[in-house]
Amino acid sequence: MGIENVDKRYAAKNETKGRQLLSLFAGLALALTIGASNAKAQIVGDMVAKVPFEFHAGNSDFPAGEYRIHVVDDSGLDVMQISTMDGSRSALFQVQESDAAATPTKSELIFNKYGDQYFLAKLYDEGERIGSEVLKSRDEERISKNVALAQEHVPVQSGNATKESASR
């Protein structure tokens, strides 16, 4: 009689652990399915644009001029590089995924404007709602608290920007 009760309790305990394990695996499978369905296209090729004003990109300042922008290899689409066309100046900056309010009809760079200062803010490729948003620098955070925001759009002149799926 005592052995029967022990066997029943042992079986019930193992059944509970089995159910917990099954629930854990089901939750993991669901999370992986949702993550895979959220794979988005982002800019992963070169963009070339002529910027007609001085601006900041990340923690660096740049004069007006023609620039090449691209995702840094092996960065997981989170780090981009901007450089002058002759390569004499460059900087790295962090980005995150950005969803445009409407599908862009042309590739463009979007700058946040505070007074007479411009900060590279977003990059979009023609026909793709998903682009890249530049993480704000300390300078932009500080200035944005005291000055009203406007935006300036600069079309991308050329480049061989391509899209690639990336789970985010």
Protein backbone atom coordinates (compact mmCIF):
# COMPACT_ATOMS: atom_id res chain seq x y z
CA MET A 1 0.00 0.00 0.00
CA GLY A 2 2.80 2.46 0.88
CA ILE A 3 4.67 1.56 -2.31
CA GLU A 4 1.57 2.26 -4.44
CA ASN A 5 1.22 5.78 -3.01
CA VAL A 6 4.90 6.51 -3.63
CA ASP A 7 4.60 5.27 -7.24
CA LYS A 8 1.52 7.46 -7.84
CA ARG A 9 3.22 10.56 -6.40
CA TYR A 10 6.37 9.89 -8.44
CA ALA A 11 4.31 9.45 -11.63
CA ALA A 12 2.33 12.67 -10.93
CA LYS A 13 5.55 14.60 -10.25
CA ASN A 14 7.13 13.39 -13.52
CA GLU A 15 3.94 14.20 -15.44
CA THR A 16 4.01 17.79 -14.08
CA LYS A 17 7.67 18.21 -15.09
CA GLY A 18 6.85 16.84 -18.54
CA ARG A 19 4.03 19.35 -18.96
CA GLN A 20 6.31 22.21 -17.86
CA LEU A 21 8.98 21.10 -20.31
CA LEU A 22 6.42 20.82 -23.12
CA SER A 23 5.12 24.34 -22.32
CA LEU A 24 8.67 25.70 -22.37
CA PHE A 25 9.38 24.18 -25.79
CA ALA A 26 6.05 25.40 -27.18
CA GLY A 27 6.80 28.95 -25.97
CA LEU A 28 10.28 28.83 -27.49
CA ALA A 29 8.91 27.61 -30.82
CA LEU A 30 6.32 30.40 -30.81
CA ALA A 31 8.98 33.04 -30.06
CA LEU A 32 11.18 31.77 -32.89
CA THR A 33 8.24 31.77 -35.30
CA ILE A 34 7.32 35.36 -34.42
CA GLY A 35 10.97 36.47 -34.72
CA ALA A 36 11.30 34.85 -38.14
CA SER A 37 8.14 36.51 -39.40
CA ASN A 38 9.51 39.92 -38.38
CA ALA A 39 12.50 39.64 -40.73
CA LYS A 40 12.79 42.98 -42.52
CA ALA A 41 14.66 44.38 -45.49
CA GLN A 42 17.23 47.07 -44.70
CA ILE A 43 19.80 49.05 -46.62
CA VAL A 44 22.99 47.01 -46.83
CA GLY A 45 24.71 48.45 -49.93
CA ASP A 46 26.31 51.81 -50.70
CA MET A 47 24.42 55.10 -50.77
CA VAL A 48 25.93 58.25 -52.28
CA ALA A 49 24.50 61.68 -51.55
CA LYS A 50 25.54 65.30 -51.94
CA VAL A 51 24.76 67.07 -48.67
CA PRO A 52 24.48 70.86 -49.19
CA PHE A 53 25.15 71.85 -45.56
CA GLU A 54 27.47 71.09 -42.62
CA PHE A 55 26.14 68.24 -40.47
CA HIS A 56 26.80 65.78 -37.66
CA ALA A 57 26.80 61.99 -38.09
CA GLY A 58 27.13 60.13 -34.81
CA ASN A 59 29.78 62.01 -32.82
CA SER A 60 31.53 63.52 -35.87
CA ASP A 61 31.11 66.78 -37.80
CA PHE A 62 31.26 66.98 -41.60
CA PRO A 63 31.36 69.88 -44.08
CA ALA A 64 28.93 70.09 -47.00
CA GLY A 65 29.97 67.67 -49.73
CA GLU A 66 29.46 64.32 -51.41
CA TYR A 67 29.43 61.27 -49.14
CA ARG A 68 29.31 57.49 -49.36
CA ILE A 69 27.38 55.63 -46.64
CA HIS A 70 27.31 51.89 -46.09
CA VAL A 71 26.74 49.23 -43.44
CA VAL A 72 29.95 47.96 -41.84
CA ASP A 73 30.56 44.29 -42.65
CA ASP A 74 29.83 41.86 -39.81
CA SER A 75 28.04 44.53 -37.75
CA GLY A 76 24.64 42.85 -37.86
CA LEU A 77 23.26 45.91 -39.74
CA ASP A 78 23.75 48.01 -36.58
CA VAL A 79 26.83 50.06 -37.54
CA MET A 80 27.22 52.25 -40.61
CA GLN A 81 30.15 54.23 -41.97
CA ILE A 82 30.03 57.60 -43.68
CA SER A 83 33.03 58.83 -45.65
CA THR A 84 33.97 61.53 -48.12
CA MET A 85 34.24 60.27 -51.68
CA ASP A 86 38.04 60.51 -51.57
CA GLY A 87 38.13 58.66 -48.23
CA SER A 88 39.93 61.47 -46.41
CA ARG A 89 37.27 61.67 -43.66
CA SER A 90 35.05 59.00 -42.21
CA ALA A 91 33.12 58.06 -39.10
CA LEU A 92 31.14 55.14 -37.73
CA PHE A 93 27.69 55.52 -36.22
CA GLN A 94 25.12 53.17 -34.72
CA VAL A 95 21.70 52.62 -36.27
CA GLN A 96 18.53 50.76 -35.48
CA GLU A 97 15.61 49.68 -37.63
CA SER A 98 13.19 52.46 -38.57
CA ASP A 99 9.73 52.17 -40.11
CA ALA A 100 8.73 55.06 -42.42
CA ALA A 101 5.23 56.48 -42.14
CA ALA A 102 4.82 55.92 -45.91
CA THR A 103 6.85 53.99 -48.46
CA PRO A 104 9.55 56.35 -49.79
CA THR A 105 9.31 57.13 -53.51
CA LYS A 106 13.07 57.81 -53.65
CA SER A 107 16.15 56.86 -51.65
CA GLU A 108 16.97 59.62 -49.19
CA LEU A 109 18.80 60.77 -46.11
CA ILE A 110 16.77 62.62 -43.48
CA PHE A 111 18.44 65.14 -41.20
CA ASN A 112 17.08 66.55 -37.95
CA LYS A 113 17.55 70.32 -37.92
CA TYR A 114 17.88 72.30 -34.69
CA GLY A 115 18.40 75.99 -35.45
CA ASP A 116 21.35 75.97 -37.89
CA GLN A 117 22.67 72.52 -36.90
CA TYR A 118 21.89 69.35 -38.85
CA PHE A 119 22.13 65.77 -37.57
CA LEU A 120 21.89 62.70 -39.82
CA ALA A 121 18.78 60.95 -38.50
CA LYS A 122 17.39 58.36 -40.95
CA LEU A 123 18.23 56.58 -44.21
CA TYR A 124 15.64 55.03 -46.52
CA ASP A 125 15.89 53.17 -49.80
CA GLU A 126 13.31 53.75 -52.54
CA GLY A 127 10.27 51.50 -52.20
CA GLU A 128 11.21 50.16 -48.74
CA ARG A 129 9.37 51.27 -45.60
CA ILE A 130 12.06 49.76 -43.40
CA GLY A 131 15.25 51.79 -43.17
CA SER A 132 17.85 52.80 -40.61
CA GLU A 133 17.60 55.36 -37.83
CA VAL A 134 20.80 56.88 -36.43
CA LEU A 135 21.04 56.74 -32.64
CA LYS A 136 21.16 60.26 -31.21
CA SER A 137 24.54 61.55 -30.03
CA ARG A 138 24.96 63.36 -26.71
CA ASP A 139 25.18 66.66 -28.60
CA GLU A 140 21.88 66.04 -30.39
CA GLU A 141 20.21 64.95 -27.13
CA ARG A 142 21.39 68.15 -25.43
CA ILE A 143 20.42 70.48 -28.29
CA SER A 144 17.04 68.82 -28.87
CA LYS A 145 15.95 69.77 -25.34
CA ASN A 146 16.31 73.49 -26.07
CA VAL A 147 15.61 73.97 -29.79
CA ALA A 148 12.59 73.10 -31.95
CA LEU A 149 13.00 70.23 -34.43
CA ALA A 150 12.64 70.52 -38.20
CA GLN A 151 13.69 67.97 -40.84
CA GLU A 152 15.61 68.25 -44.09
CA HIS A 153 15.45 65.56 -46.79
CA VAL A 154 18.44 64.96 -49.09
CA PRO A 155 17.97 62.61 -52.07
CA VAL A 156 20.47 59.85 -52.65
CA GLN A 157 22.14 60.47 -56.01
CA SER A 158 23.43 57.01 -56.74
CA GLY A 159 24.73 53.86 -55.22
CA ASN A 160 24.12 50.19 -55.44
CA ALA A 161 22.01 49.85 -52.31
CA THR A 162 20.64 46.36 -52.00
CA LYS A 163 18.21 44.85 -49.59
CA GLU A 164 18.80 41.85 -47.40
CA SER A 165 16.55 40.15 -44.88
CA ALA A 166 17.74 40.42 -41.34
CA SER A 167 15.95 39.10 -38.32
CA ARG A 168 15.74 41.83 -35.72
